Amino acid sequence: MDYSLLPTLNAILNATSGILVLLGYRNIKRSNESAHKRFMLSAMGISAIFFASYLFYHWEVGSVKFQGRGIIRTFYFTLLISHTILAVTIVPMVLRTAYLALKGNFAKHRKIAKWTFPIWVYVSITGVFVYLMLYQLY
């Protein structure tokens, strides 16, 4: 089976999730709670699909070696390490943030969302950059 399209699909899912998070943020700033909820739950759903696809791809293909050399290699691995650490960290944060909102505990929700939001956006953006560097540029 050809798995070559999965990294591109994963990057699209990652970018889509980031866009949905940004749209959710914009809507909560505009006091549109129902749209905020729809965007954030959609971002979680897309992220779950991304994660399943990502795990499936790497289960089947294994790790992919970065081909860049020199300073770009250092940059890539610095980006990858920060992305990976925060990607692992963001999962329980997103789940907790969503749980608090769905339970109506908006004071605690807002408190953790101030941390969850920028980390989630960072992970989405850096995920796309890791894809570009690994599969498109090098």
C-alpha atoms as a PDB file:
ATOM      1  CA  MET A   1       0.000   0.000   0.000  1.00  0.00           C
ATOM      2  CA  ASP A   2       1.210   3.513  -0.803  1.00  0.00           C
ATOM      3  CA  TYR A   3       1.349   5.749   2.266  1.00  0.00           C
ATOM      4  CA  SER A   4       3.040   8.698   0.560  1.00  0.00           C
ATOM      5  CA  LEU A   5       0.009  10.984   0.732  1.00  0.00           C
ATOM      6  CA  LEU A   6      -0.485  10.624   4.489  1.00  0.00           C
ATOM      7  CA  PRO A   7       2.163  13.196   5.527  1.00  0.00           C
ATOM      8  CA  THR A   8       0.468  15.792   3.323  1.00  0.00           C
ATOM      9  CA  LEU A   9      -2.950  14.841   4.698  1.00  0.00           C
ATOM     10  CA  ASN A  10      -1.558  15.091   8.222  1.00  0.00           C
ATOM     11  CA  ALA A  11      -0.148  18.562   7.538  1.00  0.00           C
ATOM     12  CA  ILE A  12      -3.515  19.663   6.132  1.00  0.00           C
ATOM     13  CA  LEU A  13      -5.323  18.286   9.187  1.00  0.00           C
ATOM     14  CA  ASN A  14      -2.815  19.992  11.495  1.00  0.00           C
ATOM     15  CA  ALA A  15      -3.191  23.332   9.704  1.00  0.00           C
ATOM     16  CA  THR A  16      -6.980  22.987   9.689  1.00  0.00           C
ATOM     17  CA  SER A  17      -6.987  22.363  13.417  1.00  0.00           C
ATOM     18  CA  GLY A  18      -4.887  25.484  13.984  1.00  0.00           C
ATOM     19  CA  ILE A  19      -7.205  27.579  11.826  1.00  0.00           C
ATOM     20  CA  LEU A  20     -10.246  26.282  13.709  1.00  0.00           C
ATOM     21  CA  VAL A  21      -8.595  27.162  17.039  1.00  0.00           C
ATOM     22  CA  LEU A  22      -7.901  30.690  15.781  1.00  0.00           C
ATOM     23  CA  LEU A  23     -11.500  31.024  14.593  1.00  0.00           C
ATOM     24  CA  GLY A  24     -12.709  29.748  17.961  1.00  0.00           C
ATOM     25  CA  TYR A  25     -10.558  32.345  19.707  1.00  0.00           C
ATOM     26  CA  ARG A  26     -11.884  35.116  17.450  1.00  0.00           C
ATOM     27  CA  ASN A  27     -15.457  34.108  18.188  1.00  0.00           C
ATOM     28  CA  ILE A  28     -15.025  34.006  21.954  1.00  0.00           C
ATOM     29  CA  LYS A  29     -13.446  37.470  21.794  1.00  0.00           C
ATOM     30  CA  ARG A  30     -16.606  38.569  19.973  1.00  0.00           C
ATOM     31  CA  SER A  31     -18.742  36.919  22.696  1.00  0.00           C
ATOM     32  CA  ASN A  32     -20.139  34.379  20.250  1.00  0.00           C
ATOM     33  CA  GLU A  33     -20.066  31.395  22.596  1.00  0.00           C
ATOM     34  CA  SER A  34     -21.979  28.998  20.341  1.00  0.00           C
ATOM     35  CA  ALA A  35     -19.639  29.550  17.377  1.00  0.00           C
ATOM     36  CA  HIS A  36     -16.636  29.329  19.725  1.00  0.00           C
ATOM     37  CA  LYS A  37     -17.855  25.958  20.990  1.00  0.00           C
ATOM     38  CA  ARG A  38     -18.436  24.625  17.455  1.00  0.00           C
ATOM     39  CA  PHE A  39     -14.985  25.730  16.259  1.00  0.00           C
ATOM     40  CA  MET A  40     -13.182  24.332  19.287  1.00  0.00           C
ATOM     41  CA  LEU A  41     -14.992  20.985  19.201  1.00  0.00           C
ATOM     42  CA  SER A  42     -14.289  20.798  15.468  1.00  0.00           C
ATOM     43  CA  ALA A  43     -10.610  21.531  16.147  1.00  0.00           C
ATOM     44  CA  MET A  44     -10.566  18.696  18.671  1.00  0.00           C
ATOM     45  CA  GLY A  45     -12.196  16.316  16.188  1.00  0.00           C
ATOM     46  CA  ILE A  46      -9.772  17.223  13.399  1.00  0.00           C
ATOM     47  CA  SER A  47      -6.872  16.872  15.839  1.00  0.00           C
ATOM     48  CA  ALA A  48      -8.064  13.399  16.819  1.00  0.00           C
ATOM     49  CA  ILE A  49      -8.245  12.373  13.150  1.00  0.00           C
ATOM     50  CA  PHE A  50      -4.759  13.848  12.622  1.00  0.00           C
ATOM     51  CA  PHE A  51      -3.378  11.918  15.581  1.00  0.00           C
ATOM     52  CA  ALA A  52      -4.848   8.607  14.391  1.00  0.00           C
ATOM     53  CA  SER A  53      -3.524   9.170  10.870  1.00  0.00           C
ATOM     54  CA  TYR A  54      -0.107  10.230  12.187  1.00  0.00           C
ATOM     55  CA  LEU A  55       0.190   7.118  14.365  1.00  0.00           C
ATOM     56  CA  PHE A  56      -0.969   4.856  11.545  1.00  0.00           C
ATOM     57  CA  TYR A  57       1.561   6.359   9.115  1.00  0.00           C
ATOM     58  CA  HIS A  58       4.490   6.015  11.483  1.00  0.00           C
ATOM     59  CA  TRP A  59       3.393   2.502  12.510  1.00  0.00           C
ATOM     60  CA  GLU A  60       3.518   1.477   8.860  1.00  0.00           C
ATOM     61  CA  VAL A  61       6.486   3.557   7.633  1.00  0.00           C
ATOM     62  CA  GLY A  62       8.571   4.108  10.741  1.00  0.00           C
ATOM     63  CA  SER A  63      10.618   7.218  11.288  1.00  0.00           C
ATOM     64  CA  VAL A  64      11.701   9.414   8.404  1.00  0.00           C
ATOM     65  CA  LYS A  65      15.254  10.734   8.443  1.00  0.00           C
ATOM     66  CA  PHE A  66      15.772  14.468   8.012  1.00  0.00           C
ATOM     67  CA  GLN A  67      18.087  15.067   5.041  1.00  0.00           C
ATOM     68  CA  GLY A  68      19.131  18.665   5.718  1.00  0.00           C
ATOM     69  CA  ARG A  69      22.718  19.471   6.667  1.00  0.00           C
ATOM     70  CA  GLY A  70      24.483  22.224   8.552  1.00  0.00           C
ATOM     71  CA  ILE A  71      22.700  24.942  10.507  1.00  0.00           C
ATOM     72  CA  ILE A  72      19.301  23.987   9.068  1.00  0.00           C
ATOM     73  CA  ARG A  73      19.680  20.566  10.702  1.00  0.00           C
ATOM     74  CA  THR A  74      20.161  22.220  14.106  1.00  0.00           C
ATOM     75  CA  PHE A  75      17.169  24.472  13.437  1.00  0.00           C
ATOM     76  CA  TYR A  76      15.018  21.502  12.377  1.00  0.00           C
ATOM     77  CA  PHE A  77      15.789  19.431  15.452  1.00  0.00           C
ATOM     78  CA  THR A  78      15.279  22.400  17.773  1.00  0.00           C
ATOM     79  CA  LEU A  79      11.888  22.981  16.161  1.00  0.00           C
ATOM     80  CA  LEU A  80      11.062  19.265  16.255  1.00  0.00           C
ATOM     81  CA  ILE A  81      11.976  18.891  19.930  1.00  0.00           C
ATOM     82  CA  SER A  82       9.904  21.900  21.011  1.00  0.00           C
ATOM     83  CA  HIS A  83       7.022  20.741  18.806  1.00  0.00           C
ATOM     84  CA  THR A  84       7.121  17.190  20.169  1.00  0.00           C
ATOM     85  CA  ILE A  85       7.302  18.172  23.838  1.00  0.00           C
ATOM     86  CA  LEU A  86       4.457  20.645  23.481  1.00  0.00           C
ATOM     87  CA  ALA A  87       2.392  18.253  21.324  1.00  0.00           C
ATOM     88  CA  VAL A  88       2.500  15.697  24.140  1.00  0.00           C
ATOM     89  CA  THR A  89       1.734  18.409  26.711  1.00  0.00           C
ATOM     90  CA  ILE A  90      -1.188  19.920  24.807  1.00  0.00           C
ATOM     91  CA  VAL A  91      -3.333  16.766  24.686  1.00  0.00           C
ATOM     92  CA  PRO A  92      -4.276  16.666  28.390  1.00  0.00           C
ATOM     93  CA  MET A  93      -4.510  20.466  28.422  1.00  0.00           C
ATOM     94  CA  VAL A  94      -7.040  20.468  25.561  1.00  0.00           C
ATOM     95  CA  LEU A  95      -9.038  17.682  27.181  1.00  0.00           C
ATOM     96  CA  ARG A  96      -9.092  19.477  30.532  1.00  0.00           C
ATOM     97  CA  THR A  97      -9.964  22.829  28.952  1.00  0.00           C
ATOM     98  CA  ALA A  98     -12.837  21.293  26.992  1.00  0.00           C
ATOM     99  CA  TYR A  99     -14.070  19.321  30.000  1.00  0.00           C
ATOM    100  CA  LEU A 100     -14.243  22.458  32.141  1.00  0.00           C
ATOM    101  CA  ALA A 101     -16.182  24.327  29.451  1.00  0.00           C
ATOM    102  CA  LEU A 102     -18.604  21.494  28.841  1.00  0.00           C
ATOM    103  CA  LYS A 103     -19.240  21.260  32.594  1.00  0.00           C
ATOM    104  CA  GLY A 104     -19.906  25.008  32.706  1.00  0.00           C
ATOM    105  CA  ASN A 105     -16.919  25.848  34.890  1.00  0.00           C
ATOM    106  CA  PHE A 106     -15.961  28.858  32.788  1.00  0.00           C
ATOM    107  CA  ALA A 107     -13.718  30.544  35.380  1.00  0.00           C
ATOM    108  CA  LYS A 108     -11.369  27.544  35.437  1.00  0.00           C
ATOM    109  CA  HIS A 109     -11.850  27.065  31.691  1.00  0.00           C
ATOM    110  CA  ARG A 110     -10.644  30.590  30.937  1.00  0.00           C
ATOM    111  CA  LYS A 111      -7.713  30.196  33.312  1.00  0.00           C
ATOM    112  CA  ILE A 112      -6.326  27.111  31.577  1.00  0.00           C
ATOM    113  CA  ALA A 113      -7.394  28.237  28.086  1.00  0.00           C
ATOM    114  CA  LYS A 114      -4.971  31.160  28.368  1.00  0.00           C
ATOM    115  CA  TRP A 115      -2.195  28.548  28.296  1.00  0.00           C
ATOM    116  CA  THR A 116      -3.857  25.974  26.074  1.00  0.00           C
ATOM    117  CA  PHE A 117      -4.608  28.367  23.211  1.00  0.00           C
ATOM    118  CA  PRO A 118      -1.080  29.611  22.409  1.00  0.00           C
ATOM    119  CA  ILE A 119       0.469  26.165  22.856  1.00  0.00           C
ATOM    120  CA  TRP A 120      -2.109  24.558  20.568  1.00  0.00           C
ATOM    121  CA  VAL A 121      -1.517  27.211  17.898  1.00  0.00           C
ATOM    122  CA  TYR A 122       2.259  26.783  18.233  1.00  0.00           C
ATOM    123  CA  VAL A 123       1.986  22.999  17.879  1.00  0.00           C
ATOM    124  CA  SER A 124      -0.223  23.367  14.791  1.00  0.00           C
ATOM    125  CA  ILE A 125       2.107  25.853  13.109  1.00  0.00           C
ATOM    126  CA  THR A 126       5.316  24.019  13.950  1.00  0.00           C
ATOM    127  CA  GLY A 127       3.763  20.727  12.825  1.00  0.00           C
ATOM    128  CA  VAL A 128       3.277  22.199   9.364  1.00  0.00           C
ATOM    129  CA  PHE A 129       6.855  23.524   9.351  1.00  0.00           C
ATOM    130  CA  VAL A 130       8.212  20.112  10.387  1.00  0.00           C
ATOM    131  CA  TYR A 131       6.255  18.548   7.514  1.00  0.00           C
ATOM    132  CA  LEU A 132       7.553  21.124   5.006  1.00  0.00           C
ATOM    133  CA  MET A 133      11.143  20.690   6.118  1.00  0.00           C
ATOM    134  CA  LEU A 134      10.992  16.888   6.282  1.00  0.00           C
ATOM    135  CA  TYR A 135       8.952  16.066   3.162  1.00  0.00           C
ATOM    136  CA  GLN A 136       9.087  19.090   0.860  1.00  0.00           C
ATOM    137  CA  LEU A 137      12.283  21.093   1.328  1.00  0.00           C
ATOM    138  CA  TYR A 138      14.833  18.439   2.252  1.00  0.00           C
END
